[in-house]
Amino acid sequence: MLHLLKLEWLKQKDYVLFRVLSIAYVVLLPAALVVGKKMDLGKDAPFNPQTQFFHFPTVWNWLGYIGNWMVFFVLGFMAVLMITNEYSNRTLRQNVITGLHRDEFFKSKLIFMVVVALAATLYYALCAVVIGLLHVDDTLYFSTVFKNVDMVPRYWLMSMGYMSFGLLIGLLVKRTGIALFLYLAYAMVIESILRWVVHLYFFKNASMNFYPLNAMEDLAPLPVAEFADDLLKQNGFRMLLTPMEAVVASVIYTSLFLFLSYRRLKNSDL
């Protein structure tokens, strides 16, 4: 396992885009939240950025929502590039020729994804704790600090979900530009059309919330969306998945994406 991880690390560590994406995640995750210090939504706003963005326990949720976007772009792109570069540089073919089985090749990608997702999650948790501790105004209780700590495992699952989807897209398309375009197009256009135009029109029920990337997004949704969700009950159902529903759906979809990626790799031409 360590050998496969080291092999994948040697491939990625000198790749310029991998470095750029990694630095972007490290810098922008806390920076995007700190921008909230300049926000003034007025007295009638449903929340106060100066308190909810930076204080426990809501800092977990707000930073998680920002991380949702960061993970989608940064880790998702990494996963796409991680496989399309293999085809572009013909290193997949070379690895197989030199004795690396396709199963081992897939394991190296999977292990690397698990480690990257874990590193991204630990960094998210560290940022949340540091930001929260730096903005303590009064007595701080242990229970308050860790009230929403369930966001941490959900964040890791979200990272794995986006990366597994990116890996599958990369294996299906193989060409970097087209794969990245399809990754973005499905998430931002195709799935939205399927949910809000097709599904809502013909099947107006809670099943529209269980599309793959929507389920992963609901692992760390916009916190104030929960208030708006109560106003949308005229549809007869909530517009957000519960945390447990999002977890179960995301586990199923992530497993499915990884299985399909494995089958695609086993049956594809090099």
C-alpha atoms as a PDB file:
ATOM      1  CA  MET A   1       0.000   0.000   0.000  1.00  0.00           C
ATOM      2  CA  LEU A   2       2.771   2.454   0.898  1.00  0.00           C
ATOM      3  CA  HIS A   3       4.583   1.492  -2.291  1.00  0.00           C
ATOM      4  CA  LEU A   4       1.519   2.364  -4.389  1.00  0.00           C
ATOM      5  CA  LEU A   5       1.019   5.623  -2.512  1.00  0.00           C
ATOM      6  CA  LYS A   6       4.660   6.568  -3.024  1.00  0.00           C
ATOM      7  CA  LEU A   7       4.402   5.712  -6.716  1.00  0.00           C
ATOM      8  CA  GLU A   8       1.400   7.997  -7.136  1.00  0.00           C
ATOM      9  CA  TRP A   9       3.012  10.772  -5.087  1.00  0.00           C
ATOM     10  CA  LEU A  10       6.086  10.709  -7.318  1.00  0.00           C
ATOM     11  CA  LYS A  11       3.836  11.212 -10.319  1.00  0.00           C
ATOM     12  CA  GLN A  12       1.900  14.120  -8.842  1.00  0.00           C
ATOM     13  CA  LYS A  13       4.367  16.108  -6.727  1.00  0.00           C
ATOM     14  CA  ASP A  14       6.180  17.769  -9.641  1.00  0.00           C
ATOM     15  CA  TYR A  15       3.042  18.397 -11.668  1.00  0.00           C
ATOM     16  CA  VAL A  16       2.501  22.170 -11.812  1.00  0.00           C
ATOM     17  CA  LEU A  17      -1.300  22.099 -11.753  1.00  0.00           C
ATOM     18  CA  PHE A  18      -1.295  19.772  -8.751  1.00  0.00           C
ATOM     19  CA  ARG A  19       0.838  22.297  -6.866  1.00  0.00           C
ATOM     20  CA  VAL A  20      -1.315  25.230  -7.980  1.00  0.00           C
ATOM     21  CA  LEU A  21      -4.542  23.510  -6.939  1.00  0.00           C
ATOM     22  CA  SER A  22      -3.056  22.474  -3.585  1.00  0.00           C
ATOM     23  CA  ILE A  23      -1.863  26.007  -2.816  1.00  0.00           C
ATOM     24  CA  ALA A  24      -5.215  27.443  -3.921  1.00  0.00           C
ATOM     25  CA  TYR A  25      -7.040  25.182  -1.477  1.00  0.00           C
ATOM     26  CA  VAL A  26      -4.719  25.989   1.424  1.00  0.00           C
ATOM     27  CA  VAL A  27      -4.938  29.742   0.857  1.00  0.00           C
ATOM     28  CA  LEU A  28      -8.523  30.231  -0.260  1.00  0.00           C
ATOM     29  CA  LEU A  29     -10.330  28.007   2.249  1.00  0.00           C
ATOM     30  CA  PRO A  30      -9.681  30.255   5.287  1.00  0.00           C
ATOM     31  CA  ALA A  31      -9.340  33.432   3.203  1.00  0.00           C
ATOM     32  CA  ALA A  32     -12.860  33.126   1.778  1.00  0.00           C
ATOM     33  CA  LEU A  33     -14.303  32.998   5.290  1.00  0.00           C
ATOM     34  CA  VAL A  34     -12.223  35.920   6.528  1.00  0.00           C
ATOM     35  CA  VAL A  35     -13.741  38.061   3.763  1.00  0.00           C
ATOM     36  CA  GLY A  36     -16.907  37.895   5.871  1.00  0.00           C
ATOM     37  CA  LYS A  37     -15.347  40.386   8.280  1.00  0.00           C
ATOM     38  CA  LYS A  38     -16.084  43.081   5.723  1.00  0.00           C
ATOM     39  CA  MET A  39     -19.726  42.081   5.255  1.00  0.00           C
ATOM     40  CA  ASP A  40     -22.526  44.177   6.713  1.00  0.00           C
ATOM     41  CA  LEU A  41     -25.959  42.760   5.914  1.00  0.00           C
ATOM     42  CA  GLY A  42     -27.894  45.232   8.013  1.00  0.00           C
ATOM     43  CA  LYS A  43     -30.142  44.835  11.029  1.00  0.00           C
ATOM     44  CA  ASP A  44     -32.844  42.850   9.197  1.00  0.00           C
ATOM     45  CA  ALA A  45     -30.472  40.150   7.954  1.00  0.00           C
ATOM     46  CA  PRO A  46     -31.296  36.552   9.024  1.00  0.00           C
ATOM     47  CA  PHE A  47     -27.806  36.172  10.478  1.00  0.00           C
ATOM     48  CA  ASN A  48     -24.809  38.227  11.569  1.00  0.00           C
ATOM     49  CA  PRO A  49     -21.589  37.337   9.685  1.00  0.00           C
ATOM     50  CA  GLN A  50     -19.463  38.774  12.477  1.00  0.00           C
ATOM     51  CA  THR A  51     -20.701  36.157  14.907  1.00  0.00           C
ATOM     52  CA  GLN A  52     -21.817  33.131  12.911  1.00  0.00           C
ATOM     53  CA  PHE A  53     -18.909  32.994  10.462  1.00  0.00           C
ATOM     54  CA  PHE A  54     -16.189  32.921  13.098  1.00  0.00           C
ATOM     55  CA  HIS A  55     -17.648  31.652  16.375  1.00  0.00           C
ATOM     56  CA  PHE A  56     -18.263  28.152  17.646  1.00  0.00           C
ATOM     57  CA  PRO A  57     -20.230  26.108  16.810  1.00  0.00           C
ATOM     58  CA  THR A  58     -21.414  27.711  13.538  1.00  0.00           C
ATOM     59  CA  VAL A  59     -17.878  28.186  12.197  1.00  0.00           C
ATOM     60  CA  TRP A  60     -17.899  24.447  11.383  1.00  0.00           C
ATOM     61  CA  ASN A  61     -20.929  24.888   9.120  1.00  0.00           C
ATOM     62  CA  TRP A  62     -19.873  28.072   7.357  1.00  0.00           C
ATOM     63  CA  LEU A  63     -16.330  26.906   6.705  1.00  0.00           C
ATOM     64  CA  GLY A  64     -17.748  23.557   5.594  1.00  0.00           C
ATOM     65  CA  TYR A  65     -19.960  25.305   3.046  1.00  0.00           C
ATOM     66  CA  ILE A  66     -16.992  27.255   1.678  1.00  0.00           C
ATOM     67  CA  GLY A  67     -15.027  24.013   1.626  1.00  0.00           C
ATOM     68  CA  ASN A  68     -17.866  22.451  -0.366  1.00  0.00           C
ATOM     69  CA  TRP A  69     -17.066  24.766  -3.256  1.00  0.00           C
ATOM     70  CA  MET A  70     -13.313  24.454  -2.790  1.00  0.00           C
ATOM     71  CA  VAL A  71     -13.436  20.659  -2.758  1.00  0.00           C
ATOM     72  CA  PHE A  72     -15.689  20.581  -5.807  1.00  0.00           C
ATOM     73  CA  PHE A  73     -13.270  22.640  -7.868  1.00  0.00           C
ATOM     74  CA  VAL A  74      -9.877  21.750  -6.403  1.00  0.00           C
ATOM     75  CA  LEU A  75     -10.147  18.072  -5.474  1.00  0.00           C
ATOM     76  CA  GLY A  76     -12.570  17.288  -8.282  1.00  0.00           C
ATOM     77  CA  PHE A  77     -10.193  18.804 -10.830  1.00  0.00           C
ATOM     78  CA  MET A  78      -7.302  16.919  -9.242  1.00  0.00           C
ATOM     79  CA  ALA A  79      -9.109  13.629  -9.725  1.00  0.00           C
ATOM     80  CA  VAL A  80      -9.878  14.384 -13.361  1.00  0.00           C
ATOM     81  CA  LEU A  81      -6.302  15.453 -14.086  1.00  0.00           C
ATOM     82  CA  MET A  82      -4.891  12.521 -12.137  1.00  0.00           C
ATOM     83  CA  ILE A  83      -6.280  10.061 -14.685  1.00  0.00           C
ATOM     84  CA  THR A  84      -6.387  12.074 -17.929  1.00  0.00           C
ATOM     85  CA  ASN A  85      -2.683  12.891 -17.568  1.00  0.00           C
ATOM     86  CA  GLU A  86      -1.987   9.160 -17.493  1.00  0.00           C
ATOM     87  CA  TYR A  87      -3.561   8.818 -20.925  1.00  0.00           C
ATOM     88  CA  SER A  88      -2.012  12.027 -22.300  1.00  0.00           C
ATOM     89  CA  ASN A  89       1.495  11.080 -21.162  1.00  0.00           C
ATOM     90  CA  ARG A  90       0.979   7.360 -21.860  1.00  0.00           C
ATOM     91  CA  THR A  91       2.232   6.561 -18.373  1.00  0.00           C
ATOM     92  CA  LEU A  92      -0.660   4.160 -17.781  1.00  0.00           C
ATOM     93  CA  ARG A  93       0.499   2.036 -20.707  1.00  0.00           C
ATOM     94  CA  GLN A  94       4.092   2.270 -19.488  1.00  0.00           C
ATOM     95  CA  ASN A  95       3.128   1.228 -15.956  1.00  0.00           C
ATOM     96  CA  VAL A  96       1.328  -1.850 -17.252  1.00  0.00           C
ATOM     97  CA  ILE A  97       4.204  -2.746 -19.573  1.00  0.00           C
ATOM     98  CA  THR A  98       6.682  -2.542 -16.694  1.00  0.00           C
ATOM     99  CA  GLY A  99       4.652  -4.940 -14.562  1.00  0.00           C
ATOM    100  CA  LEU A 100       2.037  -2.888 -12.683  1.00  0.00           C
ATOM    101  CA  HIS A 101      -1.305  -4.673 -12.840  1.00  0.00           C
ATOM    102  CA  ARG A 102      -4.429  -2.665 -13.589  1.00  0.00           C
ATOM    103  CA  ASP A 103      -5.757  -3.568 -10.153  1.00  0.00           C
ATOM    104  CA  GLU A 104      -2.641  -2.075  -8.570  1.00  0.00           C
ATOM    105  CA  PHE A 105      -2.915   0.995 -10.771  1.00  0.00           C
ATOM    106  CA  PHE A 106      -6.490   1.553  -9.610  1.00  0.00           C
ATOM    107  CA  LYS A 107      -5.491   0.964  -5.979  1.00  0.00           C
ATOM    108  CA  SER A 108      -2.755   3.581  -6.281  1.00  0.00           C
ATOM    109  CA  LYS A 109      -5.328   6.140  -7.443  1.00  0.00           C
ATOM    110  CA  LEU A 110      -7.804   5.162  -4.748  1.00  0.00           C
ATOM    111  CA  ILE A 111      -5.240   5.279  -1.934  1.00  0.00           C
ATOM    112  CA  PHE A 112      -3.988   8.650  -3.123  1.00  0.00           C
ATOM    113  CA  MET A 113      -7.556   9.986  -3.234  1.00  0.00           C
ATOM    114  CA  VAL A 114      -8.212   8.756   0.303  1.00  0.00           C
ATOM    115  CA  VAL A 115      -5.047  10.455   1.577  1.00  0.00           C
ATOM    116  CA  VAL A 116      -5.749  13.729  -0.269  1.00  0.00           C
ATOM    117  CA  ALA A 117      -9.330  13.774   1.032  1.00  0.00           C
ATOM    118  CA  LEU A 118      -8.048  13.085   4.554  1.00  0.00           C
ATOM    119  CA  ALA A 119      -5.456  15.883   4.299  1.00  0.00           C
ATOM    120  CA  ALA A 120      -8.093  18.317   3.007  1.00  0.00           C
ATOM    121  CA  THR A 121     -10.429  17.353   5.859  1.00  0.00           C
ATOM    122  CA  LEU A 122      -7.788  17.704   8.559  1.00  0.00           C
ATOM    123  CA  TYR A 123      -6.871  21.126   7.190  1.00  0.00           C
ATOM    124  CA  TYR A 124     -10.553  22.135   7.250  1.00  0.00           C
ATOM    125  CA  ALA A 125     -10.834  20.993  10.873  1.00  0.00           C
ATOM    126  CA  LEU A 126      -7.643  22.840  11.832  1.00  0.00           C
ATOM    127  CA  CYS A 127      -8.849  26.057  10.202  1.00  0.00           C
ATOM    128  CA  ALA A 128     -12.231  25.810  11.925  1.00  0.00           C
ATOM    129  CA  VAL A 129     -10.649  25.308  15.348  1.00  0.00           C
ATOM    130  CA  VAL A 130      -8.085  28.091  14.911  1.00  0.00           C
ATOM    131  CA  ILE A 131     -10.613  30.605  13.554  1.00  0.00           C
ATOM    132  CA  GLY A 132     -13.060  29.745  16.323  1.00  0.00           C
ATOM    133  CA  LEU A 133     -10.458  30.062  19.071  1.00  0.00           C
ATOM    134  CA  LEU A 134      -9.247  33.401  17.708  1.00  0.00           C
ATOM    135  CA  HIS A 135     -12.770  34.823  17.979  1.00  0.00           C
ATOM    136  CA  VAL A 136     -13.722  33.752  21.490  1.00  0.00           C
ATOM    137  CA  ASP A 137     -15.540  36.653  23.189  1.00  0.00           C
ATOM    138  CA  ASP A 138     -16.606  35.024  26.433  1.00  0.00           C
ATOM    139  CA  THR A 139     -16.391  31.746  28.302  1.00  0.00           C
ATOM    140  CA  LEU A 140     -15.882  28.868  25.905  1.00  0.00           C
ATOM    141  CA  TYR A 141     -17.248  25.439  26.707  1.00  0.00           C
ATOM    142  CA  PHE A 142     -15.938  22.164  25.337  1.00  0.00           C
ATOM    143  CA  SER A 143     -19.449  21.156  24.284  1.00  0.00           C
ATOM    144  CA  THR A 144     -19.821  24.364  22.256  1.00  0.00           C
ATOM    145  CA  VAL A 145     -16.548  23.874  20.393  1.00  0.00           C
ATOM    146  CA  PHE A 146     -17.420  20.359  19.269  1.00  0.00           C
ATOM    147  CA  LYS A 147     -21.193  20.715  18.893  1.00  0.00           C
ATOM    148  CA  ASN A 148     -21.074  20.519  15.080  1.00  0.00           C
ATOM    149  CA  VAL A 149     -17.946  18.390  14.791  1.00  0.00           C
ATOM    150  CA  ASP A 150     -19.965  15.807  12.824  1.00  0.00           C
ATOM    151  CA  MET A 151     -19.149  18.058   9.873  1.00  0.00           C
ATOM    152  CA  VAL A 152     -15.632  16.582   9.839  1.00  0.00           C
ATOM    153  CA  PRO A 153     -16.472  13.024   8.654  1.00  0.00           C
ATOM    154  CA  ARG A 154     -19.111  14.456   6.316  1.00  0.00           C
ATOM    155  CA  TYR A 155     -16.450  16.724   4.837  1.00  0.00           C
ATOM    156  CA  TRP A 156     -14.195  13.725   4.166  1.00  0.00           C
ATOM    157  CA  LEU A 157     -17.060  11.841   2.516  1.00  0.00           C
ATOM    158  CA  MET A 158     -17.867  14.903   0.418  1.00  0.00           C
ATOM    159  CA  SER A 159     -14.229  15.080  -0.711  1.00  0.00           C
ATOM    160  CA  MET A 160     -14.220  11.412  -1.679  1.00  0.00           C
ATOM    161  CA  GLY A 161     -17.529  11.823  -3.481  1.00  0.00           C
ATOM    162  CA  TYR A 162     -16.397  14.675  -5.701  1.00  0.00           C
ATOM    163  CA  MET A 163     -13.066  12.981  -6.404  1.00  0.00           C
ATOM    164  CA  SER A 164     -14.671   9.648  -7.292  1.00  0.00           C
ATOM    165  CA  PHE A 165     -16.978  11.448  -9.726  1.00  0.00           C
ATOM    166  CA  GLY A 166     -13.996  13.262 -11.255  1.00  0.00           C
ATOM    167  CA  LEU A 167     -12.090   9.982 -11.555  1.00  0.00           C
ATOM    168  CA  LEU A 168     -14.993   8.373 -13.412  1.00  0.00           C
ATOM    169  CA  ILE A 169     -15.334  11.309 -15.800  1.00  0.00           C
ATOM    170  CA  GLY A 170     -11.603  11.196 -16.514  1.00  0.00           C
ATOM    171  CA  LEU A 171     -11.726   7.470 -17.277  1.00  0.00           C
ATOM    172  CA  LEU A 172     -14.757   7.834 -19.523  1.00  0.00           C
ATOM    173  CA  VAL A 173     -13.462  10.774 -21.550  1.00  0.00           C
ATOM    174  CA  LYS A 174      -9.632  10.520 -21.246  1.00  0.00           C
ATOM    175  CA  ARG A 175      -9.032  13.973 -22.763  1.00  0.00           C
ATOM    176  CA  THR A 176      -8.300  16.586 -20.104  1.00  0.00           C
ATOM    177  CA  GLY A 177     -10.131  19.593 -21.565  1.00  0.00           C
ATOM    178  CA  ILE A 178     -13.270  17.687 -22.480  1.00  0.00           C
ATOM    179  CA  ALA A 179     -13.295  15.815 -19.156  1.00  0.00           C
ATOM    180  CA  LEU A 180     -13.039  19.035 -17.114  1.00  0.00           C
ATOM    181  CA  PHE A 181     -15.772  20.635 -19.222  1.00  0.00           C
ATOM    182  CA  LEU A 182     -18.061  17.627 -18.753  1.00  0.00           C
ATOM    183  CA  TYR A 183     -17.341  17.580 -14.996  1.00  0.00           C
ATOM    184  CA  LEU A 184     -18.414  21.215 -14.695  1.00  0.00           C
ATOM    185  CA  ALA A 185     -21.275  20.914 -17.177  1.00  0.00           C
ATOM    186  CA  TYR A 186     -22.894  18.014 -15.359  1.00  0.00           C
ATOM    187  CA  ALA A 187     -22.583  19.589 -11.921  1.00  0.00           C
ATOM    188  CA  MET A 188     -23.683  23.100 -12.855  1.00  0.00           C
ATOM    189  CA  VAL A 189     -26.051  22.583 -15.794  1.00  0.00           C
ATOM    190  CA  ILE A 190     -27.104  19.024 -16.589  1.00  0.00           C
ATOM    191  CA  GLU A 191     -28.024  17.890 -13.081  1.00  0.00           C
ATOM    192  CA  SER A 192     -29.812  21.178 -12.383  1.00  0.00           C
ATOM    193  CA  ILE A 193     -31.908  20.783 -15.521  1.00  0.00           C
ATOM    194  CA  LEU A 194     -32.724  17.183 -14.639  1.00  0.00           C
ATOM    195  CA  ARG A 195     -33.772  18.164 -11.113  1.00  0.00           C
ATOM    196  CA  TRP A 196     -35.557  21.487 -11.585  1.00  0.00           C
ATOM    197  CA  VAL A 197     -36.999  21.114 -15.074  1.00  0.00           C
ATOM    198  CA  VAL A 198     -37.557  17.445 -15.782  1.00  0.00           C
ATOM    199  CA  HIS A 199     -37.909  15.900 -12.335  1.00  0.00           C
ATOM    200  CA  LEU A 200     -39.781  18.703 -10.577  1.00  0.00           C
ATOM    201  CA  TYR A 201     -42.222  19.000 -13.456  1.00  0.00           C
ATOM    202  CA  PHE A 202     -43.018  15.307 -13.837  1.00  0.00           C
ATOM    203  CA  PHE A 203     -42.169  13.852 -10.417  1.00  0.00           C
ATOM    204  CA  LYS A 204     -42.700  16.555  -7.830  1.00  0.00           C
ATOM    205  CA  ASN A 205     -41.449  14.781  -4.716  1.00  0.00           C
ATOM    206  CA  ALA A 206     -38.416  14.489  -2.447  1.00  0.00           C
ATOM    207  CA  SER A 207     -36.649  12.081  -4.826  1.00  0.00           C
ATOM    208  CA  MET A 208     -35.367  15.111  -6.767  1.00  0.00           C
ATOM    209  CA  ASN A 209     -32.963  15.754  -3.886  1.00  0.00           C
ATOM    210  CA  PHE A 210     -31.194  12.428  -4.319  1.00  0.00           C
ATOM    211  CA  TYR A 211     -29.256  13.201  -7.486  1.00  0.00           C
ATOM    212  CA  PRO A 212     -25.541  12.401  -7.019  1.00  0.00           C
ATOM    213  CA  LEU A 213     -23.867  15.779  -6.709  1.00  0.00           C
ATOM    214  CA  ASN A 214     -26.817  17.339  -4.928  1.00  0.00           C
ATOM    215  CA  ALA A 215     -26.554  14.646  -2.260  1.00  0.00           C
ATOM    216  CA  MET A 216     -22.860  15.405  -1.857  1.00  0.00           C
ATOM    217  CA  GLU A 217     -23.537  19.135  -1.754  1.00  0.00           C
ATOM    218  CA  ASP A 218     -26.073  18.605   1.034  1.00  0.00           C
ATOM    219  CA  LEU A 219     -23.332  17.127   3.208  1.00  0.00           C
ATOM    220  CA  ALA A 220     -22.242  20.738   3.804  1.00  0.00           C
ATOM    221  CA  PRO A 221     -25.075  22.990   2.617  1.00  0.00           C
ATOM    222  CA  LEU A 222     -25.404  26.736   2.969  1.00  0.00           C
ATOM    223  CA  PRO A 223     -26.356  27.072   6.671  1.00  0.00           C
ATOM    224  CA  VAL A 224     -29.097  29.678   6.148  1.00  0.00           C
ATOM    225  CA  ALA A 225     -30.692  27.405   3.534  1.00  0.00           C
ATOM    226  CA  GLU A 226     -32.220  25.466   6.424  1.00  0.00           C
ATOM    227  CA  PHE A 227     -34.323  28.504   7.301  1.00  0.00           C
ATOM    228  CA  ALA A 228     -35.407  28.967   3.696  1.00  0.00           C
ATOM    229  CA  ASP A 229     -36.214  25.276   3.510  1.00  0.00           C
ATOM    230  CA  ASP A 230     -38.952  25.729   6.087  1.00  0.00           C
ATOM    231  CA  LEU A 231     -40.569  28.279   3.787  1.00  0.00           C
ATOM    232  CA  LEU A 232     -40.610  25.851   0.864  1.00  0.00           C
ATOM    233  CA  LYS A 233     -42.725  23.184   2.496  1.00  0.00           C
ATOM    234  CA  GLN A 234     -45.610  24.144   0.234  1.00  0.00           C
ATOM    235  CA  ASN A 235     -44.022  21.673  -2.184  1.00  0.00           C
ATOM    236  CA  GLY A 236     -44.918  18.960   0.297  1.00  0.00           C
ATOM    237  CA  PHE A 237     -41.280  18.064   0.986  1.00  0.00           C
ATOM    238  CA  ARG A 238     -38.043  19.643   2.117  1.00  0.00           C
ATOM    239  CA  MET A 239     -35.552  20.886  -0.472  1.00  0.00           C
ATOM    240  CA  LEU A 240     -32.517  19.725   1.531  1.00  0.00           C
ATOM    241  CA  LEU A 241     -31.569  16.214   2.526  1.00  0.00           C
ATOM    242  CA  THR A 242     -31.120  15.523   6.209  1.00  0.00           C
ATOM    243  CA  PRO A 243     -27.488  14.868   7.209  1.00  0.00           C
ATOM    244  CA  MET A 244     -28.172  11.131   7.474  1.00  0.00           C
ATOM    245  CA  GLU A 245     -29.901  11.016   4.072  1.00  0.00           C
ATOM    246  CA  ALA A 246     -27.003  12.927   2.516  1.00  0.00           C
ATOM    247  CA  VAL A 247     -24.471  10.558   4.100  1.00  0.00           C
ATOM    248  CA  VAL A 248     -26.243   7.383   2.972  1.00  0.00           C
ATOM    249  CA  ALA A 249     -26.830   8.677  -0.559  1.00  0.00           C
ATOM    250  CA  SER A 250     -23.234   9.931  -0.863  1.00  0.00           C
ATOM    251  CA  VAL A 251     -21.794   6.612   0.333  1.00  0.00           C
ATOM    252  CA  ILE A 252     -23.861   4.780  -2.287  1.00  0.00           C
ATOM    253  CA  TYR A 253     -22.918   7.135  -5.112  1.00  0.00           C
ATOM    254  CA  THR A 254     -19.225   7.225  -4.162  1.00  0.00           C
ATOM    255  CA  SER A 255     -19.101   3.434  -4.074  1.00  0.00           C
ATOM    256  CA  LEU A 256     -20.896   3.277  -7.421  1.00  0.00           C
ATOM    257  CA  PHE A 257     -18.539   5.794  -9.040  1.00  0.00           C
ATOM    258  CA  LEU A 258     -15.501   3.885  -7.793  1.00  0.00           C
ATOM    259  CA  PHE A 259     -16.911   0.559  -8.978  1.00  0.00           C
ATOM    260  CA  LEU A 260     -17.703   1.969 -12.432  1.00  0.00           C
ATOM    261  CA  SER A 261     -14.228   3.528 -12.578  1.00  0.00           C
ATOM    262  CA  TYR A 262     -12.652   0.172 -11.755  1.00  0.00           C
ATOM    263  CA  ARG A 263     -14.703  -1.626 -14.406  1.00  0.00           C
ATOM    264  CA  ARG A 264     -13.907   1.055 -16.975  1.00  0.00           C
ATOM    265  CA  LEU A 265     -10.181   0.795 -16.267  1.00  0.00           C
ATOM    266  CA  LYS A 266     -10.238  -2.998 -16.471  1.00  0.00           C
ATOM    267  CA  ASN A 267     -11.998  -2.971 -19.856  1.00  0.00           C
ATOM    268  CA  SER A 268     -10.465   0.088 -21.509  1.00  0.00           C
ATOM    269  CA  ASP A 269      -7.718   0.240 -24.085  1.00  0.00           C
ATOM    270  CA  LEU A 270      -4.402   1.723 -23.043  1.00  0.00           C
END
